[in-house]
Amino acid sequence: MAAMGDDMEKFGVWPGTFEHCYNDAWLEKFFTALEENSSWLHASTPSEYFAAHTPAGRADLPTASYTEMMEWALPTRVRQRYNQSSKNLARAMKCWAFLRGGSWRGFFSQISESNLLHKKMLHVARRIDTSAGATERFRKPAKS
């Protein structure tokens, strides 16, 4: 299984994305490619997939986001030094993969609205997980 997620700003809100997605027809070409490859490529929602397949194991995802977000997580003065350092290293592209910026969780201390939304999401997730309608399949095992 491969999964993709996006915050949707790349589909027209972010500068240049409207032209790319709609005028250049990237989005239409993407869905056409999915249809043309439907003999071997099966699109489904996560819940449909997990209803038919058991997990193969655990996935450890990094506490990170895209490059710009990791930059924005840094305090202003550190971000300015990071930007200057990245410009200095731009000639040595082999090093670029090792530059990460700040901690994703640090972003919550920079942008209080994001912190609030994150905490609300965790609260809702806990309520759903403990609701009477939650299936046993998706409940977290009780700690012994």
N, C-alpha and C. Protein backbone atom coordinates (compact mmCIF):
# COMPACT_ATOMS: atom_id res chain seq x y z
N MET A 1 0.85 -1.18 0.00
CA MET A 1 0.00 0.00 0.00
C MET A 1 0.89 1.23 0.00
N ALA A 2 0.51 2.19 -0.75
CA ALA A 2 1.15 3.51 -0.74
C ALA A 2 0.08 4.53 -0.41
N ALA A 3 0.41 5.48 0.42
CA ALA A 3 -0.57 6.49 0.81
C ALA A 3 -0.01 7.87 0.50
N MET A 4 -0.91 8.78 0.19
CA MET A 4 -0.52 10.16 -0.07
C MET A 4 -1.46 11.08 0.68
N GLY A 5 -0.89 12.09 1.28
CA GLY A 5 -1.71 13.10 1.95
C GLY A 5 -1.23 14.47 1.56
N ASP A 6 -2.11 15.44 1.59
CA ASP A 6 -1.73 16.79 1.26
C ASP A 6 -2.64 17.75 1.99
N ASP A 7 -2.12 18.95 2.24
CA ASP A 7 -2.92 19.96 2.92
C ASP A 7 -3.78 20.76 1.96
N MET A 8 -3.80 20.39 0.70
CA MET A 8 -4.65 20.93 -0.35
C MET A 8 -4.26 22.32 -0.83
N GLU A 9 -3.36 23.02 -0.16
CA GLU A 9 -2.98 24.33 -0.67
C GLU A 9 -2.19 24.20 -1.97
N LYS A 10 -1.61 23.01 -2.19
CA LYS A 10 -0.85 22.79 -3.43
C LYS A 10 -1.78 22.60 -4.63
N PHE A 11 -3.07 22.59 -4.42
CA PHE A 11 -4.03 22.41 -5.50
C PHE A 11 -4.71 23.72 -5.87
N GLY A 12 -3.95 24.81 -5.86
CA GLY A 12 -4.49 26.06 -6.35
C GLY A 12 -4.25 27.28 -5.48
N VAL A 13 -3.99 27.11 -4.20
CA VAL A 13 -3.82 28.26 -3.31
C VAL A 13 -2.36 28.72 -3.29
N TRP A 14 -1.43 27.78 -3.19
CA TRP A 14 -0.01 28.10 -3.14
C TRP A 14 0.40 28.74 -4.46
N PRO A 15 1.27 29.76 -4.43
CA PRO A 15 1.65 30.44 -5.68
C PRO A 15 2.12 29.48 -6.78
N GLY A 16 1.53 29.64 -7.95
CA GLY A 16 1.90 28.84 -9.11
C GLY A 16 1.18 27.51 -9.23
N THR A 17 0.50 27.08 -8.16
CA THR A 17 -0.13 25.75 -8.22
C THR A 17 -1.42 25.74 -9.01
N PHE A 18 -2.14 26.85 -9.06
CA PHE A 18 -3.37 26.87 -9.86
C PHE A 18 -3.03 26.63 -11.33
N GLU A 19 -2.03 27.35 -11.82
CA GLU A 19 -1.63 27.18 -13.21
C GLU A 19 -1.18 25.74 -13.48
N HIS A 20 -0.37 25.21 -12.57
CA HIS A 20 0.15 23.84 -12.74
C HIS A 20 -0.97 22.80 -12.71
N CYS A 21 -1.85 22.91 -11.71
CA CYS A 21 -2.89 21.90 -11.53
C CYS A 21 -4.00 21.99 -12.56
N TYR A 22 -4.42 23.20 -12.90
CA TYR A 22 -5.61 23.36 -13.74
C TYR A 22 -5.30 23.81 -15.16
N ASN A 23 -4.52 24.88 -15.31
CA ASN A 23 -4.20 25.36 -16.66
C ASN A 23 -3.32 24.36 -17.41
N ASP A 24 -2.34 23.77 -16.70
CA ASP A 24 -1.47 22.78 -17.32
C ASP A 24 -2.06 21.37 -17.22
N ALA A 25 -3.22 21.26 -16.60
CA ALA A 25 -4.00 20.01 -16.49
C ALA A 25 -3.30 18.88 -15.74
N TRP A 26 -2.42 19.22 -14.78
CA TRP A 26 -1.76 18.16 -14.01
C TRP A 26 -2.78 17.29 -13.28
N LEU A 27 -3.76 17.89 -12.63
CA LEU A 27 -4.73 17.13 -11.86
C LEU A 27 -5.53 16.19 -12.75
N GLU A 28 -5.97 16.68 -13.90
CA GLU A 28 -6.71 15.84 -14.84
C GLU A 28 -5.83 14.69 -15.35
N LYS A 29 -4.57 14.98 -15.65
CA LYS A 29 -3.64 13.94 -16.11
C LYS A 29 -3.40 12.90 -15.02
N PHE A 30 -3.35 13.35 -13.77
CA PHE A 30 -3.15 12.43 -12.65
C PHE A 30 -4.30 11.43 -12.55
N PHE A 31 -5.53 11.93 -12.58
CA PHE A 31 -6.68 11.03 -12.49
C PHE A 31 -6.81 10.15 -13.73
N THR A 32 -6.45 10.67 -14.88
CA THR A 32 -6.44 9.86 -16.10
C THR A 32 -5.44 8.72 -15.96
N ALA A 33 -4.26 9.01 -15.42
CA ALA A 33 -3.24 7.97 -15.20
C ALA A 33 -3.74 6.90 -14.23
N LEU A 34 -4.47 7.31 -13.19
CA LEU A 34 -5.05 6.32 -12.27
C LEU A 34 -6.02 5.41 -13.01
N GLU A 35 -6.88 6.00 -13.82
CA GLU A 35 -7.86 5.21 -14.58
C GLU A 35 -7.17 4.29 -15.58
N GLU A 36 -6.17 4.78 -16.30
CA GLU A 36 -5.48 3.99 -17.31
C GLU A 36 -4.69 2.83 -16.70
N ASN A 37 -4.34 2.92 -15.44
CA ASN A 37 -3.57 1.86 -14.78
C ASN A 37 -4.41 1.06 -13.78
N SER A 38 -5.72 1.16 -13.92
CA SER A 38 -6.61 0.50 -12.95
C SER A 38 -6.55 -1.02 -13.02
N SER A 39 -5.92 -1.60 -14.04
CA SER A 39 -5.80 -3.06 -14.10
C SER A 39 -4.86 -3.58 -13.00
N TRP A 40 -3.93 -2.77 -12.57
CA TRP A 40 -3.00 -3.19 -11.51
C TRP A 40 -2.95 -2.23 -10.33
N LEU A 41 -3.41 -1.01 -10.52
CA LEU A 41 -3.38 0.00 -9.47
C LEU A 41 -4.79 0.18 -8.92
N HIS A 42 -4.96 -0.15 -7.66
CA HIS A 42 -6.29 -0.09 -7.05
C HIS A 42 -6.33 1.03 -6.01
N ALA A 43 -7.12 2.04 -6.26
CA ALA A 43 -7.27 3.15 -5.32
C ALA A 43 -8.38 2.81 -4.33
N SER A 44 -8.15 3.13 -3.08
CA SER A 44 -9.17 2.89 -2.05
C SER A 44 -8.93 3.86 -0.90
N THR A 45 -9.90 3.93 -0.03
CA THR A 45 -9.73 4.72 1.18
C THR A 45 -8.94 3.87 2.18
N PRO A 46 -8.30 4.49 3.16
CA PRO A 46 -7.59 3.68 4.17
C PRO A 46 -8.51 2.67 4.86
N SER A 47 -9.73 3.07 5.18
CA SER A 47 -10.62 2.14 5.88
C SER A 47 -10.98 0.94 5.00
N GLU A 48 -11.16 1.15 3.69
CA GLU A 48 -11.43 0.03 2.79
C GLU A 48 -10.23 -0.92 2.74
N TYR A 49 -9.05 -0.35 2.67
CA TYR A 49 -7.85 -1.18 2.61
C TYR A 49 -7.68 -2.01 3.89
N PHE A 50 -7.81 -1.35 5.05
CA PHE A 50 -7.59 -2.06 6.31
C PHE A 50 -8.70 -3.05 6.63
N ALA A 51 -9.86 -2.88 6.04
CA ALA A 51 -10.93 -3.86 6.23
C ALA A 51 -10.58 -5.17 5.52
N ALA A 52 -9.76 -5.10 4.48
CA ALA A 52 -9.42 -6.29 3.69
C ALA A 52 -8.01 -6.81 3.95
N HIS A 53 -7.16 -6.05 4.64
CA HIS A 53 -5.77 -6.44 4.85
C HIS A 53 -5.38 -6.22 6.31
N THR A 54 -4.56 -7.11 6.83
CA THR A 54 -4.03 -6.91 8.18
C THR A 54 -2.70 -6.17 8.06
N PRO A 55 -2.36 -5.37 9.04
CA PRO A 55 -1.09 -4.65 8.99
C PRO A 55 0.09 -5.61 8.95
N ALA A 56 1.11 -5.27 8.16
CA ALA A 56 2.32 -6.10 8.07
C ALA A 56 3.28 -5.79 9.21
N GLY A 57 3.10 -4.67 9.85
CA GLY A 57 3.99 -4.28 10.94
C GLY A 57 3.78 -2.84 11.29
N ARG A 58 4.68 -2.32 12.07
CA ARG A 58 4.59 -0.95 12.55
C ARG A 58 5.34 -0.02 11.60
N ALA A 59 4.82 1.18 11.44
CA ALA A 59 5.50 2.20 10.64
C ALA A 59 5.90 3.34 11.57
N ASP A 60 7.16 3.64 11.60
CA ASP A 60 7.66 4.76 12.42
C ASP A 60 7.86 5.95 11.51
N LEU A 61 6.99 6.92 11.62
CA LEU A 61 7.08 8.11 10.79
C LEU A 61 7.86 9.19 11.53
N PRO A 62 8.67 9.94 10.81
CA PRO A 62 9.45 11.00 11.46
C PRO A 62 8.54 12.13 11.93
N THR A 63 8.97 12.81 12.97
CA THR A 63 8.23 13.99 13.43
C THR A 63 8.71 15.15 12.57
N ALA A 64 8.24 15.16 11.34
CA ALA A 64 8.70 16.16 10.39
C ALA A 64 7.58 16.51 9.42
N SER A 65 7.84 17.51 8.65
CA SER A 65 6.92 17.95 7.63
C SER A 65 7.75 18.34 6.42
N TYR A 66 7.16 19.06 5.49
CA TYR A 66 7.90 19.46 4.31
C TYR A 66 8.94 20.53 4.68
N THR A 67 9.89 20.72 3.80
CA THR A 67 11.07 21.55 4.07
C THR A 67 10.72 22.93 4.62
N GLU A 68 9.79 23.63 3.96
CA GLU A 68 9.47 24.99 4.41
C GLU A 68 8.88 24.99 5.82
N MET A 69 8.05 24.01 6.12
CA MET A 69 7.44 23.95 7.45
C MET A 69 8.51 23.72 8.51
N MET A 70 9.51 22.91 8.19
CA MET A 70 10.57 22.66 9.16
C MET A 70 11.42 23.92 9.37
N GLU A 71 11.54 24.74 8.33
CA GLU A 71 12.20 26.04 8.47
C GLU A 71 11.37 26.96 9.37
N TRP A 72 10.08 27.00 9.12
CA TRP A 72 9.19 27.90 9.87
C TRP A 72 9.12 27.52 11.34
N ALA A 73 9.47 26.30 11.67
CA ALA A 73 9.44 25.85 13.07
C ALA A 73 10.57 26.47 13.88
N LEU A 74 11.57 27.00 13.19
CA LEU A 74 12.72 27.59 13.89
C LEU A 74 12.40 28.99 14.38
N PRO A 75 13.00 29.39 15.51
CA PRO A 75 12.88 30.78 15.95
C PRO A 75 13.48 31.70 14.87
N THR A 76 13.04 32.93 14.82
CA THR A 76 13.40 33.85 13.73
C THR A 76 14.90 33.97 13.51
N ARG A 77 15.68 34.24 14.53
CA ARG A 77 17.13 34.42 14.35
C ARG A 77 17.80 33.12 13.88
N VAL A 78 17.36 32.00 14.41
CA VAL A 78 17.92 30.71 13.99
C VAL A 78 17.52 30.44 12.55
N ARG A 79 16.30 30.77 12.19
CA ARG A 79 15.82 30.58 10.81
C ARG A 79 16.65 31.41 9.84
N GLN A 80 16.99 32.64 10.24
CA GLN A 80 17.82 33.48 9.38
C GLN A 80 19.19 32.85 9.16
N ARG A 81 19.79 32.30 10.23
CA ARG A 81 21.09 31.62 10.10
C ARG A 81 20.95 30.36 9.26
N TYR A 82 19.85 29.64 9.44
CA TYR A 82 19.59 28.43 8.65
C TYR A 82 19.51 28.79 7.16
N ASN A 83 18.76 29.83 6.83
CA ASN A 83 18.63 30.26 5.43
C ASN A 83 19.98 30.64 4.84
N GLN A 84 20.80 31.37 5.59
CA GLN A 84 22.12 31.75 5.09
C GLN A 84 22.99 30.50 4.89
N SER A 85 22.95 29.59 5.85
CA SER A 85 23.73 28.35 5.72
C SER A 85 23.29 27.53 4.53
N SER A 86 21.98 27.45 4.31
CA SER A 86 21.49 26.67 3.18
C SER A 86 21.90 27.30 1.85
N LYS A 87 21.95 28.64 1.79
CA LYS A 87 22.44 29.31 0.58
C LYS A 87 23.92 29.00 0.36
N ASN A 88 24.69 29.00 1.45
CA ASN A 88 26.12 28.70 1.34
C ASN A 88 26.35 27.26 0.89
N LEU A 89 25.48 26.36 1.30
CA LEU A 89 25.64 24.95 0.94
C LEU A 89 24.95 24.57 -0.37
N ALA A 90 24.26 25.52 -0.98
CA ALA A 90 23.52 25.22 -2.20
C ALA A 90 24.42 24.66 -3.29
N ARG A 91 25.67 25.06 -3.26
CA ARG A 91 26.61 24.55 -4.27
C ARG A 91 26.93 23.08 -4.03
N ALA A 92 26.86 22.63 -2.80
CA ALA A 92 27.16 21.24 -2.46
C ALA A 92 25.86 20.49 -2.22
N MET A 93 25.13 20.22 -3.28
CA MET A 93 23.79 19.63 -3.18
C MET A 93 23.79 18.28 -2.47
N LYS A 94 24.91 17.59 -2.44
CA LYS A 94 24.97 16.30 -1.75
C LYS A 94 24.64 16.45 -0.26
N CYS A 95 24.92 17.63 0.29
CA CYS A 95 24.66 17.89 1.71
C CYS A 95 23.21 18.25 1.98
N TRP A 96 22.47 18.65 0.97
CA TRP A 96 21.12 19.18 1.16
C TRP A 96 20.20 18.19 1.87
N ALA A 97 20.34 16.92 1.59
CA ALA A 97 19.47 15.90 2.19
C ALA A 97 19.60 15.84 3.71
N PHE A 98 20.69 16.38 4.25
CA PHE A 98 20.90 16.30 5.70
C PHE A 98 20.40 17.54 6.45
N LEU A 99 19.96 18.55 5.72
CA LEU A 99 19.43 19.76 6.36
C LEU A 99 17.94 19.57 6.62
N ARG A 100 17.53 19.73 7.84
CA ARG A 100 16.14 19.47 8.20
C ARG A 100 15.42 20.65 8.83
N GLY A 101 16.12 21.64 9.26
CA GLY A 101 15.44 22.73 9.94
C GLY A 101 15.14 22.36 11.37
N GLY A 102 13.98 22.78 11.87
CA GLY A 102 13.64 22.57 13.27
C GLY A 102 12.85 21.30 13.51
N SER A 103 12.40 21.16 14.72
CA SER A 103 11.56 20.03 15.12
C SER A 103 10.12 20.34 14.75
N TRP A 104 9.43 19.34 14.22
CA TRP A 104 8.02 19.53 13.87
C TRP A 104 7.22 19.99 15.07
N ARG A 105 7.49 19.42 16.23
CA ARG A 105 6.75 19.82 17.43
C ARG A 105 7.07 21.27 17.82
N GLY A 106 8.25 21.74 17.43
CA GLY A 106 8.61 23.13 17.68
C GLY A 106 7.71 24.10 16.93
N PHE A 107 7.13 23.63 15.83
CA PHE A 107 6.22 24.48 15.06
C PHE A 107 5.03 24.88 15.93
N PHE A 108 4.58 23.97 16.81
CA PHE A 108 3.44 24.28 17.67
C PHE A 108 3.74 25.43 18.63
N SER A 109 4.99 25.59 19.03
CA SER A 109 5.31 26.72 19.91
C SER A 109 5.40 28.02 19.12
N GLN A 110 5.64 27.94 17.82
CA GLN A 110 5.71 29.14 16.98
C GLN A 110 4.32 29.61 16.55
N ILE A 111 3.45 28.67 16.22
CA ILE A 111 2.13 29.00 15.69
C ILE A 111 1.07 28.43 16.64
N SER A 112 0.54 29.26 17.52
CA SER A 112 -0.38 28.78 18.56
C SER A 112 -1.66 28.18 17.97
N GLU A 113 -2.11 28.69 16.83
CA GLU A 113 -3.33 28.14 16.21
C GLU A 113 -3.11 26.69 15.79
N SER A 114 -1.93 26.39 15.27
CA SER A 114 -1.62 25.01 14.88
C SER A 114 -1.58 24.11 16.11
N ASN A 115 -1.03 24.61 17.21
CA ASN A 115 -0.99 23.85 18.45
C ASN A 115 -2.41 23.53 18.92
N LEU A 116 -3.29 24.51 18.88
CA LEU A 116 -4.67 24.31 19.31
C LEU A 116 -5.38 23.29 18.41
N LEU A 117 -5.21 23.42 17.09
CA LEU A 117 -5.83 22.46 16.17
C LEU A 117 -5.31 21.04 16.41
N HIS A 118 -4.02 20.92 16.66
CA HIS A 118 -3.42 19.60 16.92
C HIS A 118 -4.03 18.98 18.19
N LYS A 119 -4.13 19.78 19.24
CA LYS A 119 -4.68 19.26 20.49
C LYS A 119 -6.16 18.88 20.34
N LYS A 120 -6.91 19.68 19.56
CA LYS A 120 -8.32 19.34 19.31
C LYS A 120 -8.42 18.03 18.53
N MET A 121 -7.53 17.84 17.53
CA MET A 121 -7.52 16.61 16.75
C MET A 121 -7.24 15.41 17.65
N LEU A 122 -6.28 15.54 18.57
CA LEU A 122 -5.98 14.44 19.48
C LEU A 122 -7.18 14.14 20.38
N HIS A 123 -7.85 15.18 20.85
CA HIS A 123 -9.03 15.00 21.70
C HIS A 123 -10.14 14.26 20.94
N VAL A 124 -10.42 14.69 19.73
CA VAL A 124 -11.46 14.05 18.92
C VAL A 124 -11.08 12.60 18.63
N ALA A 125 -9.82 12.35 18.31
CA ALA A 125 -9.36 10.98 18.03
C ALA A 125 -9.56 10.08 19.24
N ARG A 126 -9.25 10.59 20.44
CA ARG A 126 -9.47 9.80 21.67
C ARG A 126 -10.95 9.51 21.89
N ARG A 127 -11.79 10.51 21.64
CA ARG A 127 -13.25 10.31 21.82
C ARG A 127 -13.78 9.27 20.84
N ILE A 128 -13.32 9.33 19.60
CA ILE A 128 -13.76 8.35 18.60
C ILE A 128 -13.25 6.97 18.99
N ASP A 129 -12.00 6.89 19.43
CA ASP A 129 -11.40 5.60 19.78
C ASP A 129 -12.13 4.94 20.94
N THR A 130 -12.66 5.73 21.85
CA THR A 130 -13.34 5.16 23.02
C THR A 130 -14.86 5.14 22.88
N SER A 131 -15.37 5.56 21.72
CA SER A 131 -16.82 5.60 21.54
C SER A 131 -17.39 4.20 21.41
N ALA A 132 -18.68 4.08 21.67
CA ALA A 132 -19.36 2.79 21.58
C ALA A 132 -19.34 2.25 20.16
N GLY A 133 -19.27 3.10 19.16
CA GLY A 133 -19.28 2.67 17.77
C GLY A 133 -17.92 2.27 17.22
N ALA A 134 -16.85 2.49 17.99
CA ALA A 134 -15.51 2.14 17.49
C ALA A 134 -15.39 0.62 17.39
N THR A 135 -14.83 0.15 16.31
CA THR A 135 -14.67 -1.29 16.13
C THR A 135 -13.46 -1.79 16.90
N GLU A 136 -13.48 -3.04 17.27
CA GLU A 136 -12.37 -3.65 17.99
C GLU A 136 -11.10 -3.59 17.15
N ARG A 137 -11.25 -3.69 15.84
CA ARG A 137 -10.09 -3.71 14.95
C ARG A 137 -9.22 -2.47 15.09
N PHE A 138 -9.83 -1.31 15.37
CA PHE A 138 -9.07 -0.08 15.41
C PHE A 138 -8.83 0.44 16.83
N ARG A 139 -9.30 -0.26 17.82
CA ARG A 139 -9.02 0.16 19.19
C ARG A 139 -7.57 -0.16 19.55
N LYS A 140 -6.98 0.71 20.33
CA LYS A 140 -5.64 0.45 20.80
C LYS A 140 -5.72 -0.63 21.88
N PRO A 141 -4.75 -1.56 21.90
CA PRO A 141 -4.79 -2.58 22.93
C PRO A 141 -4.61 -1.96 24.32
N ALA A 142 -5.31 -2.51 25.29
CA ALA A 142 -5.21 -1.99 26.66
C ALA A 142 -3.84 -2.32 27.21
N LYS A 143 -3.26 -1.38 27.96
CA LYS A 143 -1.96 -1.62 28.58
C LYS A 143 -2.16 -2.54 29.77
N SER A 144 -1.27 -3.52 29.88
CA SER A 144 -1.40 -4.47 31.00
C SER A 144 -0.48 -4.13 32.13
